Amino acid sequence: MQEIRTFHPRRGRMTPAHFDALNRLLPQWQIPAGTLDVLSLTSGATNAVVVEIGFGVGDATIEMAQRDPQTLIIAIDVHTPGVAQLLLAIERLGLTNIRLVHDDAVVFLRQQVPEAALAEIRVFFPDPWPKARHHKRRLIRPELVTLMAQRLAPDGILHCATDWAPYAEVMLEVLAAEPLLTRATPDMGERRNRPMTKFERTGIHQGREVSDLVFRRLV
């Protein structure tokens, strides 16, 4: 059966600098095909491996990587100009704790990440697919939440955020129904270490309420 895409592929405007970044930097920083070997990625010096699904232009990714240099962030997106922009920022800032996947996050998690390998999965502002006929494409749906939960180590975190209120309600229902997860304690903080992005500021300015949902993998 054909995989239902959780994203709408967009090429976007590519500049010569973008093409240069993809050709020159992507081979250096992308995750190679095959099963993810967490130990080889961490080189013994990293505390944790985190997956961020849908990083946009990478501004939040960069800020989180700078805040926590001992955590390796695997940033996943299909939007080519955003991938190029993140690569350029990695080079400009000299960061070494980000790896990229320019592909479908669901396929990557299913085919390349072993169970119980990740300290955290971050899903910030995924496409809400607001039309009812497109709800089957949402990233936060039961079978995909189970997949994410299985890839988390015990006590690992699944942190979701959205500024689409109806989707927030569905997210909470789906996450709460997953037997491998439990809602994080209040003292952990719903927002945790998530930086505010330009996209989020625009949404707040337009009157949209942001919801953060943080769940923990049971042992």
C-alpha atoms as a PDB file:
ATOM      1  CA  MET A   1       0.000   0.000   0.000  1.00  0.00           C
ATOM      2  CA  GLN A   2       1.284   3.456  -0.905  1.00  0.00           C
ATOM      3  CA  GLU A   3       2.489   5.589   2.018  1.00  0.00           C
ATOM      4  CA  ILE A   4       0.206   8.540   2.816  1.00  0.00           C
ATOM      5  CA  ARG A   5       2.337  11.664   2.785  1.00  0.00           C
ATOM      6  CA  THR A   6       2.209  13.885   5.843  1.00  0.00           C
ATOM      7  CA  PHE A   7       3.654  16.828   3.932  1.00  0.00           C
ATOM      8  CA  HIS A   8       3.061  18.824   0.782  1.00  0.00           C
ATOM      9  CA  PRO A   9       6.289  18.870  -1.237  1.00  0.00           C
ATOM     10  CA  ARG A  10       7.397  22.425  -2.074  1.00  0.00           C
ATOM     11  CA  ARG A  11      10.410  23.402  -4.104  1.00  0.00           C
ATOM     12  CA  GLY A  12      10.442  27.125  -3.323  1.00  0.00           C
ATOM     13  CA  ARG A  13      12.829  29.713  -4.663  1.00  0.00           C
ATOM     14  CA  MET A  14      16.411  28.521  -4.922  1.00  0.00           C
ATOM     15  CA  THR A  15      19.326  30.952  -5.113  1.00  0.00           C
ATOM     16  CA  PRO A  16      22.844  30.168  -6.343  1.00  0.00           C
ATOM     17  CA  ALA A  17      23.947  30.092  -2.684  1.00  0.00           C
ATOM     18  CA  HIS A  18      21.277  27.472  -1.970  1.00  0.00           C
ATOM     19  CA  PHE A  19      22.459  25.248  -4.814  1.00  0.00           C
ATOM     20  CA  ASP A  20      26.048  25.641  -3.653  1.00  0.00           C
ATOM     21  CA  ALA A  21      25.103  24.663  -0.081  1.00  0.00           C
ATOM     22  CA  LEU A  22      23.267  21.544  -1.229  1.00  0.00           C
ATOM     23  CA  ASN A  23      26.115  20.428  -3.481  1.00  0.00           C
ATOM     24  CA  ARG A  24      28.939  21.272  -1.114  1.00  0.00           C
ATOM     25  CA  LEU A  25      27.557  20.853   2.421  1.00  0.00           C
ATOM     26  CA  LEU A  26      24.690  18.356   2.331  1.00  0.00           C
ATOM     27  CA  PRO A  27      26.994  15.327   1.750  1.00  0.00           C
ATOM     28  CA  GLN A  28      28.960  16.360   4.849  1.00  0.00           C
ATOM     29  CA  TRP A  29      26.029  16.831   7.217  1.00  0.00           C
ATOM     30  CA  GLN A  30      23.278  14.506   6.023  1.00  0.00           C
ATOM     31  CA  ILE A  31      22.492  11.152   7.624  1.00  0.00           C
ATOM     32  CA  PRO A  32      23.570   8.394   5.219  1.00  0.00           C
ATOM     33  CA  ALA A  33      21.185   5.680   4.139  1.00  0.00           C
ATOM     34  CA  GLY A  34      20.917   2.634   6.368  1.00  0.00           C
ATOM     35  CA  THR A  35      20.128   2.000  10.011  1.00  0.00           C
ATOM     36  CA  LEU A  36      20.990   4.861  12.331  1.00  0.00           C
ATOM     37  CA  ASP A  37      24.015   4.010  14.469  1.00  0.00           C
ATOM     38  CA  VAL A  38      23.551   6.343  17.422  1.00  0.00           C
ATOM     39  CA  LEU A  39      26.944   5.514  18.933  1.00  0.00           C
ATOM     40  CA  SER A  40      28.820   6.408  15.757  1.00  0.00           C
ATOM     41  CA  LEU A  41      26.957   9.715  15.485  1.00  0.00           C
ATOM     42  CA  THR A  42      27.617  10.736  19.054  1.00  0.00           C
ATOM     43  CA  SER A  43      31.311   9.798  18.950  1.00  0.00           C
ATOM     44  CA  GLY A  44      31.093   9.167  22.690  1.00  0.00           C
ATOM     45  CA  ALA A  45      30.806  12.882  23.491  1.00  0.00           C
ATOM     46  CA  THR A  46      27.107  13.571  23.056  1.00  0.00           C
ATOM     47  CA  ASN A  47      24.561  13.230  25.828  1.00  0.00           C
ATOM     48  CA  ALA A  48      21.537  12.594  23.642  1.00  0.00           C
ATOM     49  CA  VAL A  49      20.190  12.263  20.116  1.00  0.00           C
ATOM     50  CA  VAL A  50      17.085  14.294  19.253  1.00  0.00           C
ATOM     51  CA  VAL A  51      14.984  14.252  16.086  1.00  0.00           C
ATOM     52  CA  GLU A  52      13.271  17.452  14.938  1.00  0.00           C
ATOM     53  CA  ILE A  53      10.591  16.916  12.299  1.00  0.00           C
ATOM     54  CA  GLY A  54       9.893  19.872  10.027  1.00  0.00           C
ATOM     55  CA  PHE A  55      12.449  22.569  10.857  1.00  0.00           C
ATOM     56  CA  GLY A  56      11.305  25.123   8.266  1.00  0.00           C
ATOM     57  CA  VAL A  57      14.205  27.510   7.711  1.00  0.00           C
ATOM     58  CA  GLY A  58      16.058  26.177  10.744  1.00  0.00           C
ATOM     59  CA  ASP A  59      16.093  29.222  13.022  1.00  0.00           C
ATOM     60  CA  ALA A  60      14.779  27.283  16.023  1.00  0.00           C
ATOM     61  CA  THR A  61      17.094  24.376  15.200  1.00  0.00           C
ATOM     62  CA  ILE A  62      20.114  26.656  15.283  1.00  0.00           C
ATOM     63  CA  GLU A  63      19.102  28.230  18.592  1.00  0.00           C
ATOM     64  CA  MET A  64      18.503  24.838  20.235  1.00  0.00           C
ATOM     65  CA  ALA A  65      21.824  23.503  18.942  1.00  0.00           C
ATOM     66  CA  GLN A  66      23.655  26.521  20.339  1.00  0.00           C
ATOM     67  CA  ARG A  67      21.934  26.241  23.708  1.00  0.00           C
ATOM     68  CA  ASP A  68      22.788  22.557  24.099  1.00  0.00           C
ATOM     69  CA  PRO A  69      26.004  21.678  22.235  1.00  0.00           C
ATOM     70  CA  GLN A  70      26.205  18.220  23.836  1.00  0.00           C
ATOM     71  CA  THR A  71      22.928  17.149  22.203  1.00  0.00           C
ATOM     72  CA  LEU A  72      22.922  15.976  18.598  1.00  0.00           C
ATOM     73  CA  ILE A  73      19.912  17.215  16.627  1.00  0.00           C
ATOM     74  CA  ILE A  74      18.801  15.275  13.565  1.00  0.00           C
ATOM     75  CA  ALA A  75      16.791  17.886  11.642  1.00  0.00           C
ATOM     76  CA  ILE A  76      14.355  16.569   9.031  1.00  0.00           C
ATOM     77  CA  ASP A  77      12.556  18.519   6.296  1.00  0.00           C
ATOM     78  CA  VAL A  78      11.585  18.128   2.645  1.00  0.00           C
ATOM     79  CA  HIS A  79      11.590  21.862   1.809  1.00  0.00           C
ATOM     80  CA  THR A  80      14.772  22.258  -0.232  1.00  0.00           C
ATOM     81  CA  PRO A  81      15.447  25.993   0.286  1.00  0.00           C
ATOM     82  CA  GLY A  82      15.034  25.530   4.044  1.00  0.00           C
ATOM     83  CA  VAL A  83      17.544  22.665   4.013  1.00  0.00           C
ATOM     84  CA  ALA A  84      20.011  24.855   2.124  1.00  0.00           C
ATOM     85  CA  GLN A  85      19.479  27.759   4.507  1.00  0.00           C
ATOM     86  CA  LEU A  86      20.139  25.549   7.544  1.00  0.00           C
ATOM     87  CA  LEU A  87      23.299  24.196   5.926  1.00  0.00           C
ATOM     88  CA  LEU A  88      24.581  27.729   5.361  1.00  0.00           C
ATOM     89  CA  ALA A  89      23.869  28.627   9.002  1.00  0.00           C
ATOM     90  CA  ILE A  90      25.689  25.516  10.229  1.00  0.00           C
ATOM     91  CA  GLU A  91      28.737  26.515   8.214  1.00  0.00           C
ATOM     92  CA  ARG A  92      28.593  30.193   9.200  1.00  0.00           C
ATOM     93  CA  LEU A  93      28.325  29.417  12.926  1.00  0.00           C
ATOM     94  CA  GLY A  94      30.688  26.446  12.950  1.00  0.00           C
ATOM     95  CA  LEU A  95      28.138  24.090  14.522  1.00  0.00           C
ATOM     96  CA  THR A  96      28.935  20.381  14.739  1.00  0.00           C
ATOM     97  CA  ASN A  97      25.886  18.979  16.568  1.00  0.00           C
ATOM     98  CA  ILE A  98      23.319  19.043  13.742  1.00  0.00           C
ATOM     99  CA  ARG A  99      22.728  16.370  11.093  1.00  0.00           C
ATOM    100  CA  LEU A 100      20.158  16.657   8.301  1.00  0.00           C
ATOM    101  CA  VAL A 101      17.658  14.376   6.609  1.00  0.00           C
ATOM    102  CA  HIS A 102      16.242  15.794   3.376  1.00  0.00           C
ATOM    103  CA  ASP A 103      13.480  13.224   3.103  1.00  0.00           C
ATOM    104  CA  ASP A 104      10.206  11.963   4.574  1.00  0.00           C
ATOM    105  CA  ALA A 105      10.462  11.847   8.383  1.00  0.00           C
ATOM    106  CA  VAL A 106       8.085   8.887   8.640  1.00  0.00           C
ATOM    107  CA  VAL A 107      10.196   6.775   6.281  1.00  0.00           C
ATOM    108  CA  PHE A 108      13.356   7.781   8.150  1.00  0.00           C
ATOM    109  CA  LEU A 109      11.932   6.828  11.547  1.00  0.00           C
ATOM    110  CA  ARG A 110      10.527   3.570  10.267  1.00  0.00           C
ATOM    111  CA  GLN A 111      13.503   2.386   8.220  1.00  0.00           C
ATOM    112  CA  GLN A 112      16.581   3.947   9.788  1.00  0.00           C
ATOM    113  CA  VAL A 113      16.005   4.467  13.498  1.00  0.00           C
ATOM    114  CA  PRO A 114      16.043   1.470  15.846  1.00  0.00           C
ATOM    115  CA  GLU A 115      13.628   1.223  18.738  1.00  0.00           C
ATOM    116  CA  ALA A 116      14.461   3.077  21.958  1.00  0.00           C
ATOM    117  CA  ALA A 117      17.251   5.084  20.268  1.00  0.00           C
ATOM    118  CA  LEU A 118      16.153   8.695  20.774  1.00  0.00           C
ATOM    119  CA  ALA A 119      16.088  11.004  23.767  1.00  0.00           C
ATOM    120  CA  GLU A 120      13.468  13.268  22.208  1.00  0.00           C
ATOM    121  CA  ILE A 121      11.318  13.848  19.126  1.00  0.00           C
ATOM    122  CA  ARG A 122      10.246  17.429  18.413  1.00  0.00           C
ATOM    123  CA  VAL A 123       7.277  18.149  16.155  1.00  0.00           C
ATOM    124  CA  PHE A 124       6.860  21.912  16.062  1.00  0.00           C
ATOM    125  CA  PHE A 125       4.007  23.376  14.006  1.00  0.00           C
ATOM    126  CA  PRO A 126       3.326  20.496  11.615  1.00  0.00           C
ATOM    127  CA  ASP A 127       0.906  21.042   8.749  1.00  0.00           C
ATOM    128  CA  PRO A 128      -2.578  20.915  10.342  1.00  0.00           C
ATOM    129  CA  TRP A 129      -4.197  19.735   7.106  1.00  0.00           C
ATOM    130  CA  PRO A 130      -7.386  21.568   8.140  1.00  0.00           C
ATOM    131  CA  LYS A 131      -9.726  20.115   5.502  1.00  0.00           C
ATOM    132  CA  ALA A 132     -11.499  16.995   6.743  1.00  0.00           C
ATOM    133  CA  ARG A 133     -10.577  14.972   3.655  1.00  0.00           C
ATOM    134  CA  HIS A 134      -6.903  15.616   4.411  1.00  0.00           C
ATOM    135  CA  HIS A 135      -6.910  14.651   8.104  1.00  0.00           C
ATOM    136  CA  LYS A 136      -5.461  11.249   7.169  1.00  0.00           C
ATOM    137  CA  ARG A 137      -2.258  13.116   6.203  1.00  0.00           C
ATOM    138  CA  ARG A 138      -1.662  14.604   9.653  1.00  0.00           C
ATOM    139  CA  LEU A 139       1.621  13.676  11.279  1.00  0.00           C
ATOM    140  CA  ILE A 140       0.075  13.312  14.730  1.00  0.00           C
ATOM    141  CA  ARG A 141      -2.248  10.386  14.166  1.00  0.00           C
ATOM    142  CA  PRO A 142      -2.396   7.095  16.105  1.00  0.00           C
ATOM    143  CA  GLU A 143      -0.181   4.828  14.000  1.00  0.00           C
ATOM    144  CA  LEU A 144       2.542   7.456  13.605  1.00  0.00           C
ATOM    145  CA  VAL A 145       2.500   8.409  17.287  1.00  0.00           C
ATOM    146  CA  THR A 146       3.022   4.728  18.093  1.00  0.00           C
ATOM    147  CA  LEU A 147       5.996   4.699  15.719  1.00  0.00           C
ATOM    148  CA  MET A 148       7.487   7.773  17.410  1.00  0.00           C
ATOM    149  CA  ALA A 149       6.907   6.357  20.880  1.00  0.00           C
ATOM    150  CA  GLN A 150       8.660   3.120  19.925  1.00  0.00           C
ATOM    151  CA  ARG A 151      11.717   5.073  18.736  1.00  0.00           C
ATOM    152  CA  LEU A 152      12.030   6.909  22.058  1.00  0.00           C
ATOM    153  CA  ALA A 153      14.186   5.553  24.850  1.00  0.00           C
ATOM    154  CA  PRO A 154      12.485   5.042  28.235  1.00  0.00           C
ATOM    155  CA  ASP A 155      11.740   8.495  29.697  1.00  0.00           C
ATOM    156  CA  GLY A 156      12.299   9.994  26.247  1.00  0.00           C
ATOM    157  CA  ILE A 157      10.206  13.023  25.308  1.00  0.00           C
ATOM    158  CA  LEU A 158       7.729  13.641  22.480  1.00  0.00           C
ATOM    159  CA  HIS A 159       7.208  17.406  22.302  1.00  0.00           C
ATOM    160  CA  CYS A 160       4.544  18.742  19.919  1.00  0.00           C
ATOM    161  CA  ALA A 161       3.449  22.313  19.272  1.00  0.00           C
ATOM    162  CA  THR A 162       0.732  23.826  17.091  1.00  0.00           C
ATOM    163  CA  ASP A 163      -1.052  27.126  16.624  1.00  0.00           C
ATOM    164  CA  TRP A 164      -4.136  25.475  15.109  1.00  0.00           C
ATOM    165  CA  ALA A 165      -6.620  25.009  17.974  1.00  0.00           C
ATOM    166  CA  PRO A 166      -8.686  22.170  16.444  1.00  0.00           C
ATOM    167  CA  TYR A 167      -5.498  20.251  15.717  1.00  0.00           C
ATOM    168  CA  ALA A 168      -4.262  20.814  19.283  1.00  0.00           C
ATOM    169  CA  GLU A 169      -7.393  19.104  20.588  1.00  0.00           C
ATOM    170  CA  VAL A 170      -6.854  16.129  18.282  1.00  0.00           C
ATOM    171  CA  MET A 171      -3.162  15.987  19.175  1.00  0.00           C
ATOM    172  CA  LEU A 172      -3.955  15.790  22.873  1.00  0.00           C
ATOM    173  CA  GLU A 173      -6.519  13.041  22.311  1.00  0.00           C
ATOM    174  CA  VAL A 174      -4.161  10.969  20.149  1.00  0.00           C
ATOM    175  CA  LEU A 175      -1.129  11.399  22.401  1.00  0.00           C
ATOM    176  CA  ALA A 176      -3.107  10.588  25.554  1.00  0.00           C
ATOM    177  CA  ALA A 177      -4.442   7.408  23.948  1.00  0.00           C
ATOM    178  CA  GLU A 178      -0.973   6.013  23.171  1.00  0.00           C
ATOM    179  CA  PRO A 179      -0.186   3.359  25.839  1.00  0.00           C
ATOM    180  CA  LEU A 180       3.586   3.892  25.574  1.00  0.00           C
ATOM    181  CA  LEU A 181       3.260   7.576  26.550  1.00  0.00           C
ATOM    182  CA  THR A 182       2.204   9.584  29.559  1.00  0.00           C
ATOM    183  CA  ARG A 183       1.812  13.338  29.833  1.00  0.00           C
ATOM    184  CA  ALA A 184       4.867  15.016  31.318  1.00  0.00           C
ATOM    185  CA  THR A 185       4.664  16.435  34.808  1.00  0.00           C
ATOM    186  CA  PRO A 186       3.833  20.153  35.109  1.00  0.00           C
ATOM    187  CA  ASP A 187       7.218  21.024  36.595  1.00  0.00           C
ATOM    188  CA  MET A 188       8.861  19.945  33.333  1.00  0.00           C
ATOM    189  CA  GLY A 189       7.093  22.837  31.615  1.00  0.00           C
ATOM    190  CA  GLU A 190       4.968  22.522  28.518  1.00  0.00           C
ATOM    191  CA  ARG A 191       7.128  24.795  26.419  1.00  0.00           C
ATOM    192  CA  ARG A 192      10.402  23.415  27.789  1.00  0.00           C
ATOM    193  CA  ASN A 193      13.363  24.658  25.752  1.00  0.00           C
ATOM    194  CA  ARG A 194      11.511  25.474  22.539  1.00  0.00           C
ATOM    195  CA  PRO A 195      12.556  28.859  21.153  1.00  0.00           C
ATOM    196  CA  MET A 196       9.999  31.180  19.618  1.00  0.00           C
ATOM    197  CA  THR A 197      10.212  31.342  15.845  1.00  0.00           C
ATOM    198  CA  LYS A 198       9.292  34.056  13.363  1.00  0.00           C
ATOM    199  CA  PHE A 199       6.424  31.822  12.219  1.00  0.00           C
ATOM    200  CA  GLU A 200       5.135  31.569  15.771  1.00  0.00           C
ATOM    201  CA  ARG A 201       5.348  35.322  16.383  1.00  0.00           C
ATOM    202  CA  THR A 202       3.316  35.914  13.220  1.00  0.00           C
ATOM    203  CA  GLY A 203       0.663  33.468  14.392  1.00  0.00           C
ATOM    204  CA  ILE A 204       0.406  35.095  17.817  1.00  0.00           C
ATOM    205  CA  HIS A 205       0.151  38.535  16.193  1.00  0.00           C
ATOM    206  CA  GLN A 206      -2.742  37.187  14.115  1.00  0.00           C
ATOM    207  CA  GLY A 207      -4.490  35.999  17.270  1.00  0.00           C
ATOM    208  CA  ARG A 208      -3.694  32.288  17.129  1.00  0.00           C
ATOM    209  CA  GLU A 209      -3.045  30.517  20.437  1.00  0.00           C
ATOM    210  CA  VAL A 210      -0.016  28.246  20.627  1.00  0.00           C
ATOM    211  CA  SER A 211      -0.352  24.873  22.356  1.00  0.00           C
ATOM    212  CA  ASP A 212       2.621  22.799  23.531  1.00  0.00           C
ATOM    213  CA  LEU A 213       2.045  19.145  24.387  1.00  0.00           C
ATOM    214  CA  VAL A 214       4.856  17.241  26.090  1.00  0.00           C
ATOM    215  CA  PHE A 215       4.617  13.481  26.633  1.00  0.00           C
ATOM    216  CA  ARG A 216       7.132  11.048  28.126  1.00  0.00           C
ATOM    217  CA  ARG A 217       7.874   7.466  27.046  1.00  0.00           C
ATOM    218  CA  LEU A 218       7.064   4.969  29.770  1.00  0.00           C
ATOM    219  CA  VAL A 219       9.741   2.548  30.871  1.00  0.00           C
END
